[in-house]
C-alpha cells in the first residue's frame, strides 16, 4: 500500500485523488517514505 501510494504521489496530486503522503507535513517526504518502507520490510 505504501509503495503504491509513494509511486503515485504526483499523479494523485494532479488528479486531486487521495494519497496519504500528500497529506503529511514533513520536511523531506521522500526520506520519510523510504524510512517507513524499510521499517516494514525489516
ModelCIF file with pLDDT and N, C-alpha, C, O atoms, coordinates in Angstrom:
data_MODEL
#
_entry.id   MODEL 
#
_entity.id                         1 
_entity.type                       polymer 
_entity.pdbx_number_of_molecules   1 
#
_entity_poly.entity_id                      1 
_entity_poly.type                           'polypeptide(L)' 
_entity_poly.nstd_linkage                   no 
_entity_poly.nstd_monomer                   no 
_entity_poly.pdbx_seq_one_letter_code       
;(UNK)(UNK)(UNK)(UNK)(UNK)(UNK)(UNK)(UNK)(UNK)(UNK)(UNK)(UNK)(UNK)(UNK)(UNK)(UNK)
(UNK)(UNK)(UNK)(UNK)(UNK)(UNK)(UNK)(UNK)(UNK)(UNK)(UNK)(UNK)(UNK)(UNK)(UNK)(UNK)
(UNK)(UNK)(UNK)(UNK)(UNK)(UNK)(UNK)(UNK)(UNK)(UNK)
;
_entity_poly.pdbx_seq_one_letter_code_can   XXXXXXXXXXXXXXXXXXXXXXXXXXXXXXXXXXXXXXXXXX 
_entity_poly.pdbx_strand_id                 A 
#
loop_
_entity_poly_seq.entity_id 
_entity_poly_seq.num 
_entity_poly_seq.mon_id 
_entity_poly_seq.hetero 
1 1  UNK n 
1 2  UNK n 
1 3  UNK n 
1 4  UNK n 
1 5  UNK n 
1 6  UNK n 
1 7  UNK n 
1 8  UNK n 
1 9  UNK n 
1 10 UNK n 
1 11 UNK n 
1 12 UNK n 
1 13 UNK n 
1 14 UNK n 
1 15 UNK n 
1 16 UNK n 
1 17 UNK n 
1 18 UNK n 
1 19 UNK n 
1 20 UNK n 
1 21 UNK n 
1 22 UNK n 
1 23 UNK n 
1 24 UNK n 
1 25 UNK n 
1 26 UNK n 
1 27 UNK n 
1 28 UNK n 
1 29 UNK n 
1 30 UNK n 
1 31 UNK n 
1 32 UNK n 
1 33 UNK n 
1 34 UNK n 
1 35 UNK n 
1 36 UNK n 
1 37 UNK n 
1 38 UNK n 
1 39 UNK n 
1 40 UNK n 
1 41 UNK n 
1 42 UNK n 
#
_struct_asym.id          A 
_struct_asym.entity_id   1 
#
loop_
_ma_qa_metric.id 
_ma_qa_metric.mode 
_ma_qa_metric.name 
_ma_qa_metric.software_group_id 
_ma_qa_metric.type 
1 global pLDDT . pLDDT 
2 local  pLDDT . pLDDT 
#
_ma_qa_metric_global.metric_id      1 
_ma_qa_metric_global.metric_value   92.21 
_ma_qa_metric_global.model_id       1 
_ma_qa_metric_global.ordinal_id     1 
#
loop_
_ma_qa_metric_local.label_asym_id 
_ma_qa_metric_local.label_comp_id 
_ma_qa_metric_local.label_seq_id 
_ma_qa_metric_local.metric_id 
_ma_qa_metric_local.metric_value 
_ma_qa_metric_local.model_id 
_ma_qa_metric_local.ordinal_id 
A UNK 1  2 94.00 1 1  
A UNK 2  2 94.00 1 2  
A UNK 3  2 93.00 1 3  
A UNK 4  2 91.00 1 4  
A UNK 5  2 93.00 1 5  
A UNK 6  2 93.00 1 6  
A UNK 7  2 91.00 1 7  
A UNK 8  2 92.00 1 8  
A UNK 9  2 93.00 1 9  
A UNK 10 2 92.00 1 10 
A UNK 11 2 90.00 1 11 
A UNK 12 2 91.00 1 12 
A UNK 13 2 92.00 1 13 
A UNK 14 2 92.00 1 14 
A UNK 15 2 87.00 1 15 
A UNK 16 2 90.00 1 16 
A UNK 17 2 89.00 1 17 
A UNK 18 2 93.00 1 18 
A UNK 19 2 95.00 1 19 
A UNK 20 2 95.00 1 20 
A UNK 21 2 95.00 1 21 
A UNK 22 2 94.00 1 22 
A UNK 23 2 93.00 1 23 
A UNK 24 2 91.00 1 24 
A UNK 25 2 89.00 1 25 
A UNK 26 2 90.00 1 26 
A UNK 27 2 89.00 1 27 
A UNK 28 2 91.00 1 28 
A UNK 29 2 91.00 1 29 
A UNK 30 2 91.00 1 30 
A UNK 31 2 92.00 1 31 
A UNK 32 2 94.00 1 32 
A UNK 33 2 92.00 1 33 
A UNK 34 2 91.00 1 34 
A UNK 35 2 93.00 1 35 
A UNK 36 2 94.00 1 36 
A UNK 37 2 94.00 1 37 
A UNK 38 2 93.00 1 38 
A UNK 39 2 94.00 1 39 
A UNK 40 2 94.00 1 40 
A UNK 41 2 93.00 1 41 
A UNK 42 2 95.00 1 42 
#
loop_
_atom_site.group_PDB 
_atom_site.id 
_atom_site.type_symbol 
_atom_site.label_atom_id 
_atom_site.label_alt_id 
_atom_site.label_comp_id 
_atom_site.label_asym_id 
_atom_site.label_entity_id 
_atom_site.label_seq_id 
_atom_site.pdbx_PDB_ins_code 
_atom_site.Cartn_x 
_atom_site.Cartn_y 
_atom_site.Cartn_z 
_atom_site.occupancy 
_atom_site.B_iso_or_equiv 
_atom_site.pdbx_formal_charge 
_atom_site.auth_seq_id 
_atom_site.auth_comp_id 
_atom_site.auth_asym_id 
_atom_site.auth_atom_id 
_atom_site.pdbx_PDB_model_num 
ATOM 1   N N  . UNK A 1 1  ? 0.833  -1.208 0.000   1.00 94.00 ? 1  UNK A N  1 
ATOM 2   C CA . UNK A 1 1  ? 0.000  0.000  0.000   1.00 94.00 ? 1  UNK A CA 1 
ATOM 3   C C  . UNK A 1 1  ? 0.868  1.259  0.000   1.00 94.00 ? 1  UNK A C  1 
ATOM 4   O O  . UNK A 1 1  ? 0.618  2.200  -0.753  1.00 94.00 ? 1  UNK A O  1 
ATOM 5   N N  . UNK A 1 2  ? 1.884  1.259  0.851   1.00 94.00 ? 2  UNK A N  1 
ATOM 6   C CA . UNK A 1 2  ? 2.730  2.438  0.985   1.00 94.00 ? 2  UNK A CA 1 
ATOM 7   C C  . UNK A 1 2  ? 3.552  2.712  -0.265  1.00 94.00 ? 2  UNK A C  1 
ATOM 8   O O  . UNK A 1 2  ? 3.697  3.864  -0.672  1.00 94.00 ? 2  UNK A O  1 
ATOM 9   N N  . UNK A 1 3  ? 4.092  1.657  -0.880  1.00 93.00 ? 3  UNK A N  1 
ATOM 10  C CA . UNK A 1 3  ? 4.891  1.870  -2.090  1.00 93.00 ? 3  UNK A CA 1 
ATOM 11  C C  . UNK A 1 3  ? 4.007  2.323  -3.245  1.00 93.00 ? 3  UNK A C  1 
ATOM 12  O O  . UNK A 1 3  ? 4.410  3.164  -4.049  1.00 93.00 ? 3  UNK A O  1 
ATOM 13  N N  . UNK A 1 4  ? 2.808  1.768  -3.325  1.00 91.00 ? 4  UNK A N  1 
ATOM 14  C CA . UNK A 1 4  ? 1.865  2.191  -4.354  1.00 91.00 ? 4  UNK A CA 1 
ATOM 15  C C  . UNK A 1 4  ? 1.529  3.682  -4.184  1.00 91.00 ? 4  UNK A C  1 
ATOM 16  O O  . UNK A 1 4  ? 1.482  4.432  -5.159  1.00 91.00 ? 4  UNK A O  1 
ATOM 17  N N  . UNK A 1 5  ? 1.299  4.094  -2.938  1.00 93.00 ? 5  UNK A N  1 
ATOM 18  C CA . UNK A 1 5  ? 0.986  5.495  -2.663  1.00 93.00 ? 5  UNK A CA 1 
ATOM 19  C C  . UNK A 1 5  ? 2.187  6.394  -2.963  1.00 93.00 ? 5  UNK A C  1 
ATOM 20  O O  . UNK A 1 5  ? 2.034  7.470  -3.542  1.00 93.00 ? 5  UNK A O  1 
ATOM 21  N N  . UNK A 1 6  ? 3.379  5.949  -2.568  1.00 93.00 ? 6  UNK A N  1 
ATOM 22  C CA . UNK A 1 6  ? 4.594  6.732  -2.800  1.00 93.00 ? 6  UNK A CA 1 
ATOM 23  C C  . UNK A 1 6  ? 4.834  6.928  -4.298  1.00 93.00 ? 6  UNK A C  1 
ATOM 24  O O  . UNK A 1 6  ? 5.198  8.017  -4.741  1.00 93.00 ? 6  UNK A O  1 
ATOM 25  N N  . UNK A 1 7  ? 4.627  5.873  -5.060  1.00 91.00 ? 7  UNK A N  1 
ATOM 26  C CA . UNK A 1 7  ? 4.841  5.929  -6.506  1.00 91.00 ? 7  UNK A CA 1 
ATOM 27  C C  . UNK A 1 7  ? 3.842  6.862  -7.185  1.00 91.00 ? 7  UNK A C  1 
ATOM 28  O O  . UNK A 1 7  ? 4.160  7.492  -8.194  1.00 91.00 ? 7  UNK A O  1 
ATOM 29  N N  . UNK A 1 8  ? 2.623  6.949  -6.623  1.00 92.00 ? 8  UNK A N  1 
ATOM 30  C CA . UNK A 1 8  ? 1.547  7.702  -7.270  1.00 92.00 ? 8  UNK A CA 1 
ATOM 31  C C  . UNK A 1 8  ? 1.357  9.113  -6.718  1.00 92.00 ? 8  UNK A C  1 
ATOM 32  O O  . UNK A 1 8  ? 0.362  9.765  -7.035  1.00 92.00 ? 8  UNK A O  1 
ATOM 33  N N  . UNK A 1 9  ? 2.278  9.589  -5.911  1.00 93.00 ? 9  UNK A N  1 
ATOM 34  C CA . UNK A 1 9  ? 2.107  10.894 -5.272  1.00 93.00 ? 9  UNK A CA 1 
ATOM 35  C C  . UNK A 1 9  ? 1.805  12.012 -6.266  1.00 93.00 ? 9  UNK A C  1 
ATOM 36  O O  . UNK A 1 9  ? 0.820  12.734 -6.108  1.00 93.00 ? 9  UNK A O  1 
ATOM 37  N N  . UNK A 1 10 ? 2.635  12.157 -7.273  1.00 92.00 ? 10 UNK A N  1 
ATOM 38  C CA . UNK A 1 10 ? 2.466  13.254 -8.232  1.00 92.00 ? 10 UNK A CA 1 
ATOM 39  C C  . UNK A 1 10 ? 1.188  13.087 -9.050  1.00 92.00 ? 10 UNK A C  1 
ATOM 40  O O  . UNK A 1 10 ? 0.461  14.052 -9.285  1.00 92.00 ? 10 UNK A O  1 
ATOM 41  N N  . UNK A 1 11 ? 0.924  11.854 -9.480  1.00 90.00 ? 11 UNK A N  1 
ATOM 42  C CA . UNK A 1 11 ? -0.284 11.601 -10.271 1.00 90.00 ? 11 UNK A CA 1 
ATOM 43  C C  . UNK A 1 11 ? -1.538 11.906 -9.463  1.00 90.00 ? 11 UNK A C  1 
ATOM 44  O O  . UNK A 1 11 ? -2.480 12.516 -9.970  1.00 90.00 ? 11 UNK A O  1 
ATOM 45  N N  . UNK A 1 12 ? -1.544 11.475 -8.197  1.00 91.00 ? 12 UNK A N  1 
ATOM 46  C CA . UNK A 1 12 ? -2.712 11.696 -7.345  1.00 91.00 ? 12 UNK A CA 1 
ATOM 47  C C  . UNK A 1 12 ? -2.909 13.179 -7.031  1.00 91.00 ? 12 UNK A C  1 
ATOM 48  O O  . UNK A 1 12 ? -4.039 13.657 -6.938  1.00 91.00 ? 12 UNK A O  1 
ATOM 49  N N  . UNK A 1 13 ? -1.806 13.896 -6.869  1.00 92.00 ? 13 UNK A N  1 
ATOM 50  C CA . UNK A 1 13 ? -1.918 15.329 -6.617  1.00 92.00 ? 13 UNK A CA 1 
ATOM 51  C C  . UNK A 1 13 ? -2.505 16.043 -7.837  1.00 92.00 ? 13 UNK A C  1 
ATOM 52  O O  . UNK A 1 13 ? -3.357 16.923 -7.714  1.00 92.00 ? 13 UNK A O  1 
ATOM 53  N N  . UNK A 1 14 ? -2.034 15.644 -8.999  1.00 92.00 ? 14 UNK A N  1 
ATOM 54  C CA . UNK A 1 14 ? -2.528 16.236 -10.241 1.00 92.00 ? 14 UNK A CA 1 
ATOM 55  C C  . UNK A 1 14 ? -4.003 15.937 -10.465 1.00 92.00 ? 14 UNK A C  1 
ATOM 56  O O  . UNK A 1 14 ? -4.754 16.792 -10.933 1.00 92.00 ? 14 UNK A O  1 
ATOM 57  N N  . UNK A 1 15 ? -4.420 14.693 -10.122 1.00 87.00 ? 15 UNK A N  1 
ATOM 58  C CA . UNK A 1 15 ? -5.814 14.279 -10.336 1.00 87.00 ? 15 UNK A CA 1 
ATOM 59  C C  . UNK A 1 15 ? -6.716 14.595 -9.144  1.00 87.00 ? 15 UNK A C  1 
ATOM 60  O O  . UNK A 1 15 ? -7.907 14.283 -9.153  1.00 87.00 ? 15 UNK A O  1 
ATOM 61  N N  . UNK A 1 16 ? -6.132 15.218 -8.116  1.00 90.00 ? 16 UNK A N  1 
ATOM 62  C CA . UNK A 1 16 ? -6.876 15.526 -6.895  1.00 90.00 ? 16 UNK A CA 1 
ATOM 63  C C  . UNK A 1 16 ? -7.445 14.247 -6.256  1.00 90.00 ? 16 UNK A C  1 
ATOM 64  O O  . UNK A 1 16 ? -8.562 14.235 -5.738  1.00 90.00 ? 16 UNK A O  1 
ATOM 65  N N  . UNK A 1 17 ? -6.644 13.180 -6.309  1.00 89.00 ? 17 UNK A N  1 
ATOM 66  C CA . UNK A 1 17 ? -7.033 11.899 -5.719  1.00 89.00 ? 17 UNK A CA 1 
ATOM 67  C C  . UNK A 1 17 ? -6.357 11.741 -4.358  1.00 89.00 ? 17 UNK A C  1 
ATOM 68  O O  . UNK A 1 17 ? -5.334 12.367 -4.083  1.00 89.00 ? 17 UNK A O  1 
ATOM 69  N N  . UNK A 1 18 ? -6.942 10.900 -3.520  1.00 93.00 ? 18 UNK A N  1 
ATOM 70  C CA . UNK A 1 18 ? -6.384 10.712 -2.177  1.00 93.00 ? 18 UNK A CA 1 
ATOM 71  C C  . UNK A 1 18 ? -5.024 10.033 -2.236  1.00 93.00 ? 18 UNK A C  1 
ATOM 72  O O  . UNK A 1 18 ? -4.811 9.083  -2.990  1.00 93.00 ? 18 UNK A O  1 
ATOM 73  N N  . UNK A 1 19 ? -4.113 10.546 -1.423  1.00 95.00 ? 19 UNK A N  1 
ATOM 74  C CA . UNK A 1 19 ? -2.815 9.914  -1.232  1.00 95.00 ? 19 UNK A CA 1 
ATOM 75  C C  . UNK A 1 19 ? -2.314 10.319 0.143   1.00 95.00 ? 19 UNK A C  1 
ATOM 76  O O  . UNK A 1 19 ? -2.144 11.510 0.404   1.00 95.00 ? 19 UNK A O  1 
ATOM 77  N N  . UNK A 1 20 ? -2.072 9.357  1.033   1.00 95.00 ? 20 UNK A N  1 
ATOM 78  C CA . UNK A 1 20 ? -1.675 9.707  2.409   1.00 95.00 ? 20 UNK A CA 1 
ATOM 79  C C  . UNK A 1 20 ? -0.393 10.518 2.489   1.00 95.00 ? 20 UNK A C  1 
ATOM 80  O O  . UNK A 1 20 ? -0.244 11.349 3.385   1.00 95.00 ? 20 UNK A O  1 
ATOM 81  N N  . UNK A 1 21 ? 0.537  10.289 1.565   1.00 95.00 ? 21 UNK A N  1 
ATOM 82  C CA . UNK A 1 21 ? 1.795  11.028 1.599   1.00 95.00 ? 21 UNK A CA 1 
ATOM 83  C C  . UNK A 1 21 ? 1.597  12.507 1.278   1.00 95.00 ? 21 UNK A C  1 
ATOM 84  O O  . UNK A 1 21 ? 2.361  13.354 1.742   1.00 95.00 ? 21 UNK A O  1 
ATOM 85  N N  . UNK A 1 22 ? 0.582  12.812 0.493   1.00 94.00 ? 22 UNK A N  1 
ATOM 86  C CA . UNK A 1 22 ? 0.300  14.207 0.155   1.00 94.00 ? 22 UNK A CA 1 
ATOM 87  C C  . UNK A 1 22 ? -0.388 14.950 1.299   1.00 94.00 ? 22 UNK A C  1 
ATOM 88  O O  . UNK A 1 22 ? -0.540 16.170 1.254   1.00 94.00 ? 22 UNK A O  1 
ATOM 89  N N  . UNK A 1 23 ? -0.801 14.207 2.318   1.00 93.00 ? 23 UNK A N  1 
ATOM 90  C CA . UNK A 1 23 ? -1.473 14.819 3.472   1.00 93.00 ? 23 UNK A CA 1 
ATOM 91  C C  . UNK A 1 23 ? -0.552 15.001 4.672   1.00 93.00 ? 23 UNK A C  1 
ATOM 92  O O  . UNK A 1 23 ? -0.965 15.522 5.708   1.00 93.00 ? 23 UNK A O  1 
ATOM 93  N N  . UNK A 1 24 ? 0.694  14.570 4.526   1.00 91.00 ? 24 UNK A N  1 
ATOM 94  C CA . UNK A 1 24 ? 1.630  14.599 5.650   1.00 91.00 ? 24 UNK A CA 1 
ATOM 95  C C  . UNK A 1 24 ? 2.557  15.807 5.540   1.00 91.00 ? 24 UNK A C  1 
ATOM 96  O O  . UNK A 1 24 ? 3.100  16.098 4.474   1.00 91.00 ? 24 UNK A O  1 
ATOM 97  N N  . UNK A 1 25 ? 2.725  16.494 6.650   1.00 89.00 ? 25 UNK A N  1 
ATOM 98  C CA . UNK A 1 25 ? 3.590  17.678 6.675   1.00 89.00 ? 25 UNK A CA 1 
ATOM 99  C C  . UNK A 1 25 ? 4.942  17.297 7.282   1.00 89.00 ? 25 UNK A C  1 
ATOM 100 O O  . UNK A 1 25 ? 5.140  17.394 8.494   1.00 89.00 ? 25 UNK A O  1 
ATOM 101 N N  . UNK A 1 26 ? 5.865  16.865 6.426   1.00 90.00 ? 26 UNK A N  1 
ATOM 102 C CA . UNK A 1 26 ? 7.219  16.541 6.866   1.00 90.00 ? 26 UNK A CA 1 
ATOM 103 C C  . UNK A 1 26 ? 8.199  17.271 5.953   1.00 90.00 ? 26 UNK A C  1 
ATOM 104 O O  . UNK A 1 26 ? 7.861  17.636 4.827   1.00 90.00 ? 26 UNK A O  1 
ATOM 105 N N  . UNK A 1 27 ? 9.400  17.477 6.445   1.00 89.00 ? 27 UNK A N  1 
ATOM 106 C CA . UNK A 1 27 ? 10.387 18.267 5.698   1.00 89.00 ? 27 UNK A CA 1 
ATOM 107 C C  . UNK A 1 27 ? 10.842 17.559 4.421   1.00 89.00 ? 27 UNK A C  1 
ATOM 108 O O  . UNK A 1 27 ? 10.954 18.186 3.368   1.00 89.00 ? 27 UNK A O  1 
ATOM 109 N N  . UNK A 1 28 ? 11.102 16.261 4.513   1.00 91.00 ? 28 UNK A N  1 
ATOM 110 C CA . UNK A 1 28 ? 11.566 15.504 3.348   1.00 91.00 ? 28 UNK A CA 1 
ATOM 111 C C  . UNK A 1 28 ? 10.690 14.272 3.187   1.00 91.00 ? 28 UNK A C  1 
ATOM 112 O O  . UNK A 1 28 ? 10.922 13.247 3.829   1.00 91.00 ? 28 UNK A O  1 
ATOM 113 N N  . UNK A 1 29 ? 9.691  14.375 2.336   1.00 91.00 ? 29 UNK A N  1 
ATOM 114 C CA . UNK A 1 29 ? 8.717  13.295 2.189   1.00 91.00 ? 29 UNK A CA 1 
ATOM 115 C C  . UNK A 1 29 ? 9.338  12.043 1.593   1.00 91.00 ? 29 UNK A C  1 
ATOM 116 O O  . UNK A 1 29 ? 8.917  10.932 1.916   1.00 91.00 ? 29 UNK A O  1 
ATOM 117 N N  . UNK A 1 30 ? 10.345 12.207 0.718   1.00 91.00 ? 30 UNK A N  1 
ATOM 118 C CA . UNK A 1 30 ? 10.987 11.042 0.106   1.00 91.00 ? 30 UNK A CA 1 
ATOM 119 C C  . UNK A 1 30 ? 11.741 10.218 1.138   1.00 91.00 ? 30 UNK A C  1 
ATOM 120 O O  . UNK A 1 30 ? 11.650 8.991  1.149   1.00 91.00 ? 30 UNK A O  1 
ATOM 121 N N  . UNK A 1 31 ? 12.480 10.892 1.998   1.00 92.00 ? 31 UNK A N  1 
ATOM 122 C CA . UNK A 1 31 ? 13.208 10.181 3.045   1.00 92.00 ? 31 UNK A CA 1 
ATOM 123 C C  . UNK A 1 31 ? 12.252 9.532  4.029   1.00 92.00 ? 31 UNK A C  1 
ATOM 124 O O  . UNK A 1 31 ? 12.478 8.410  4.481   1.00 92.00 ? 31 UNK A O  1 
ATOM 125 N N  . UNK A 1 32 ? 11.189 10.241 4.357   1.00 94.00 ? 32 UNK A N  1 
ATOM 126 C CA . UNK A 1 32 ? 10.179 9.698  5.272   1.00 94.00 ? 32 UNK A CA 1 
ATOM 127 C C  . UNK A 1 32 ? 9.551  8.440  4.691   1.00 94.00 ? 32 UNK A C  1 
ATOM 128 O O  . UNK A 1 32 ? 9.387  7.442  5.392   1.00 94.00 ? 32 UNK A O  1 
ATOM 129 N N  . UNK A 1 33 ? 9.196  8.489  3.400   1.00 92.00 ? 33 UNK A N  1 
ATOM 130 C CA . UNK A 1 33 ? 8.565  7.342  2.749   1.00 92.00 ? 33 UNK A CA 1 
ATOM 131 C C  . UNK A 1 33 ? 9.500  6.141  2.724   1.00 92.00 ? 33 UNK A C  1 
ATOM 132 O O  . UNK A 1 33 ? 9.090  5.019  3.020   1.00 92.00 ? 33 UNK A O  1 
ATOM 133 N N  . UNK A 1 34 ? 10.758 6.381  2.370   1.00 91.00 ? 34 UNK A N  1 
ATOM 134 C CA . UNK A 1 34 ? 11.719 5.273  2.313   1.00 91.00 ? 34 UNK A CA 1 
ATOM 135 C C  . UNK A 1 34 ? 11.982 4.678  3.690   1.00 91.00 ? 34 UNK A C  1 
ATOM 136 O O  . UNK A 1 34 ? 12.200 3.473  3.818   1.00 91.00 ? 34 UNK A O  1 
ATOM 137 N N  . UNK A 1 35 ? 11.963 5.509  4.703   1.00 93.00 ? 35 UNK A N  1 
ATOM 138 C CA . UNK A 1 35 ? 12.184 5.025  6.071   1.00 93.00 ? 35 UNK A CA 1 
ATOM 139 C C  . UNK A 1 35 ? 11.074 4.080  6.517   1.00 93.00 ? 35 UNK A C  1 
ATOM 140 O O  . UNK A 1 35 ? 11.348 3.014  7.069   1.00 93.00 ? 35 UNK A O  1 
ATOM 141 N N  . UNK A 1 36 ? 9.830  4.465  6.282   1.00 94.00 ? 36 UNK A N  1 
ATOM 142 C CA . UNK A 1 36 ? 8.737  3.601  6.738   1.00 94.00 ? 36 UNK A CA 1 
ATOM 143 C C  . UNK A 1 36 ? 8.614  2.354  5.857   1.00 94.00 ? 36 UNK A C  1 
ATOM 144 O O  . UNK A 1 36 ? 8.174  1.304  6.327   1.00 94.00 ? 36 UNK A O  1 
ATOM 145 N N  . UNK A 1 37 ? 8.998  2.465  4.594   1.00 94.00 ? 37 UNK A N  1 
ATOM 146 C CA . UNK A 1 37 ? 9.019  1.284  3.733   1.00 94.00 ? 37 UNK A CA 1 
ATOM 147 C C  . UNK A 1 37 ? 10.064 0.285  4.220   1.00 94.00 ? 37 UNK A C  1 
ATOM 148 O O  . UNK A 1 37 ? 9.789  -0.911 4.307   1.00 94.00 ? 37 UNK A O  1 
ATOM 149 N N  . UNK A 1 38 ? 11.249 0.768  4.533   1.00 93.00 ? 38 UNK A N  1 
ATOM 150 C CA . UNK A 1 38 ? 12.313 -0.113 5.013   1.00 93.00 ? 38 UNK A CA 1 
ATOM 151 C C  . UNK A 1 38 ? 11.984 -0.682 6.386   1.00 93.00 ? 38 UNK A C  1 
ATOM 152 O O  . UNK A 1 38 ? 12.353 -1.815 6.694   1.00 93.00 ? 38 UNK A O  1 
ATOM 153 N N  . UNK A 1 39 ? 11.297 0.090  7.204   1.00 94.00 ? 39 UNK A N  1 
ATOM 154 C CA . UNK A 1 39 ? 10.887 -0.404 8.523   1.00 94.00 ? 39 UNK A CA 1 
ATOM 155 C C  . UNK A 1 39 ? 9.935  -1.580 8.380   1.00 94.00 ? 39 UNK A C  1 
ATOM 156 O O  . UNK A 1 39 ? 10.071 -2.583 9.081   1.00 94.00 ? 39 UNK A O  1 
ATOM 157 N N  . UNK A 1 40 ? 8.972  -1.459 7.475   1.00 94.00 ? 40 UNK A N  1 
ATOM 158 C CA . UNK A 1 40 ? 8.029  -2.552 7.253   1.00 94.00 ? 40 UNK A CA 1 
ATOM 159 C C  . UNK A 1 40 ? 8.719  -3.779 6.676   1.00 94.00 ? 40 UNK A C  1 
ATOM 160 O O  . UNK A 1 40 ? 8.366  -4.910 7.011   1.00 94.00 ? 40 UNK A O  1 
ATOM 161 N N  . UNK A 1 41 ? 9.702  -3.557 5.810   1.00 93.00 ? 41 UNK A N  1 
ATOM 162 C CA . UNK A 1 41 ? 10.449 -4.686 5.252   1.00 93.00 ? 41 UNK A CA 1 
ATOM 163 C C  . UNK A 1 41 ? 11.262 -5.404 6.319   1.00 93.00 ? 41 UNK A C  1 
ATOM 164 O O  . UNK A 1 41 ? 11.423 -6.623 6.262   1.00 93.00 ? 41 UNK A O  1 
ATOM 165 N N  . UNK A 1 42 ? 11.775 -4.661 7.288   1.00 95.00 ? 42 UNK A N  1 
ATOM 166 C CA . UNK A 1 42 ? 12.540 -5.296 8.369   1.00 95.00 ? 42 UNK A CA 1 
ATOM 167 C C  . UNK A 1 42 ? 11.623 -6.152 9.235   1.00 95.00 ? 42 UNK A C  1 
ATOM 168 O O  . UNK A 1 42 ? 12.080 -6.768 10.197  1.00 95.00 ? 42 UNK A O  1 
#
